[in-house]
Amino acid sequence: MNRDTRFGAVGSGNHAGSMALDIARGIPTEIDELTGFIVREGERLKLPVPNCKAVYRLLKDLEIAAQKRVANPR
């Protein structure tokens, strides 16, 4: 990655991230394996991880809503 890309001078392309594609398709994302792991380890070790918890909860809610949308299209 060159300096222009790092500082936003050059776009990163038109490809959506894998989680965005999963949400659009209404299929489970890898949030449980990624951020969910950090949240569970934080709880196990009694370490606060409030930002990770917030991201995890927001993405889980989005994932659930997308699954409901795909299951019950209007």
C-alpha atoms as a PDB file:
ATOM      1  CA  MET A   1       0.000   0.000   0.000  1.00  0.00           C
ATOM      2  CA  ASN A   2       1.471   3.318  -0.983  1.00  0.00           C
ATOM      3  CA  ARG A   3       1.455   6.574   0.990  1.00  0.00           C
ATOM      4  CA  ASP A   4      -1.381   8.120  -1.079  1.00  0.00           C
ATOM      5  CA  THR A   5      -3.664   5.185  -0.336  1.00  0.00           C
ATOM      6  CA  ARG A   6      -2.877   5.285   3.394  1.00  0.00           C
ATOM      7  CA  PHE A   7      -3.825   8.953   3.600  1.00  0.00           C
ATOM      8  CA  GLY A   8      -7.008   8.655   1.549  1.00  0.00           C
ATOM      9  CA  ALA A   9      -5.785  10.368  -1.615  1.00  0.00           C
ATOM     10  CA  VAL A  10      -6.479   7.226  -3.642  1.00  0.00           C
ATOM     11  CA  GLY A  11      -9.654   5.187  -3.276  1.00  0.00           C
ATOM     12  CA  SER A  12      -9.359   1.608  -2.135  1.00  0.00           C
ATOM     13  CA  GLY A  13     -11.571   0.223  -4.895  1.00  0.00           C
ATOM     14  CA  ASN A  14     -15.195  -0.758  -5.303  1.00  0.00           C
ATOM     15  CA  HIS A  15     -15.079  -4.096  -3.495  1.00  0.00           C
ATOM     16  CA  ALA A  16     -17.193  -4.302  -0.337  1.00  0.00           C
ATOM     17  CA  GLY A  17     -15.665  -6.030   2.657  1.00  0.00           C
ATOM     18  CA  SER A  18     -16.610  -9.622   3.363  1.00  0.00           C
ATOM     19  CA  MET A  19     -18.747  -8.691   6.365  1.00  0.00           C
ATOM     20  CA  ALA A  20     -20.680  -6.147   4.307  1.00  0.00           C
ATOM     21  CA  LEU A  21     -21.331  -8.814   1.684  1.00  0.00           C
ATOM     22  CA  ASP A  22     -22.445 -11.285   4.355  1.00  0.00           C
ATOM     23  CA  ILE A  23     -24.843  -8.701   5.834  1.00  0.00           C
ATOM     24  CA  ALA A  24     -26.260  -7.929   2.387  1.00  0.00           C
ATOM     25  CA  ARG A  25     -26.842 -11.647   1.777  1.00  0.00           C
ATOM     26  CA  GLY A  26     -28.312 -12.207   5.246  1.00  0.00           C
ATOM     27  CA  ILE A  27     -25.756 -14.834   6.171  1.00  0.00           C
ATOM     28  CA  PRO A  28     -23.716 -15.052   9.388  1.00  0.00           C
ATOM     29  CA  THR A  29     -20.573 -12.938   9.531  1.00  0.00           C
ATOM     30  CA  GLU A  30     -17.279 -13.796  11.175  1.00  0.00           C
ATOM     31  CA  ILE A  31     -17.952 -11.318  14.010  1.00  0.00           C
ATOM     32  CA  ASP A  32     -18.211 -14.112  16.606  1.00  0.00           C
ATOM     33  CA  GLU A  33     -14.790 -15.450  15.679  1.00  0.00           C
ATOM     34  CA  LEU A  34     -13.130 -12.034  15.508  1.00  0.00           C
ATOM     35  CA  THR A  35     -14.525  -9.444  17.892  1.00  0.00           C
ATOM     36  CA  GLY A  36     -16.612 -11.963  19.821  1.00  0.00           C
ATOM     37  CA  PHE A  37     -13.403 -13.743  20.804  1.00  0.00           C
ATOM     38  CA  ILE A  38     -11.954 -10.523  22.210  1.00  0.00           C
ATOM     39  CA  VAL A  39     -15.155  -9.853  24.169  1.00  0.00           C
ATOM     40  CA  ARG A  40     -15.217 -13.382  25.614  1.00  0.00           C
ATOM     41  CA  GLU A  41     -11.526 -13.242  26.538  1.00  0.00           C
ATOM     42  CA  GLY A  42     -12.001  -9.830  28.151  1.00  0.00           C
ATOM     43  CA  GLU A  43     -14.807 -11.261  30.265  1.00  0.00           C
ATOM     44  CA  ARG A  44     -12.783 -14.350  31.148  1.00  0.00           C
ATOM     45  CA  LEU A  45      -9.771 -12.260  32.174  1.00  0.00           C
ATOM     46  CA  LYS A  46     -11.922  -9.572  33.779  1.00  0.00           C
ATOM     47  CA  LEU A  47     -10.487  -6.929  31.446  1.00  0.00           C
ATOM     48  CA  PRO A  48     -12.749  -4.142  30.196  1.00  0.00           C
ATOM     49  CA  VAL A  49     -13.170  -4.069  26.423  1.00  0.00           C
ATOM     50  CA  PRO A  50     -16.044  -1.574  26.031  1.00  0.00           C
ATOM     51  CA  ASN A  51     -15.275  -0.585  22.442  1.00  0.00           C
ATOM     52  CA  CYS A  52     -15.086  -4.187  21.288  1.00  0.00           C
ATOM     53  CA  LYS A  53     -18.349  -4.939  23.105  1.00  0.00           C
ATOM     54  CA  ALA A  54     -20.050  -2.011  21.384  1.00  0.00           C
ATOM     55  CA  VAL A  55     -18.818  -3.051  17.929  1.00  0.00           C
ATOM     56  CA  TYR A  56     -19.787  -6.665  18.599  1.00  0.00           C
ATOM     57  CA  ARG A  57     -23.310  -5.777  19.740  1.00  0.00           C
ATOM     58  CA  LEU A  58     -23.891  -3.391  16.838  1.00  0.00           C
ATOM     59  CA  LEU A  59     -22.750  -5.920  14.256  1.00  0.00           C
ATOM     60  CA  LYS A  60     -24.714  -8.769  15.842  1.00  0.00           C
ATOM     61  CA  ASP A  61     -27.867  -6.622  15.759  1.00  0.00           C
ATOM     62  CA  LEU A  62     -27.202  -5.733  12.121  1.00  0.00           C
ATOM     63  CA  GLU A  63     -26.552  -9.382  11.269  1.00  0.00           C
ATOM     64  CA  ILE A  64     -29.802 -10.511  12.947  1.00  0.00           C
ATOM     65  CA  ALA A  65     -31.822  -7.772  11.239  1.00  0.00           C
ATOM     66  CA  ALA A  66     -30.357  -8.733   7.851  1.00  0.00           C
ATOM     67  CA  GLN A  67     -31.175 -12.405   8.403  1.00  0.00           C
ATOM     68  CA  LYS A  68     -34.776 -11.486   9.245  1.00  0.00           C
ATOM     69  CA  ARG A  69     -34.963  -9.255   6.166  1.00  0.00           C
ATOM     70  CA  VAL A  70     -33.773 -12.033   3.869  1.00  0.00           C
ATOM     71  CA  ALA A  71     -36.077 -14.599   5.504  1.00  0.00           C
ATOM     72  CA  ASN A  72     -39.133 -12.317   5.172  1.00  0.00           C
ATOM     73  CA  PRO A  73     -38.738 -10.152   2.066  1.00  0.00           C
ATOM     74  CA  ARG A  74     -41.540  -7.702   1.361  1.00  0.00           C
END
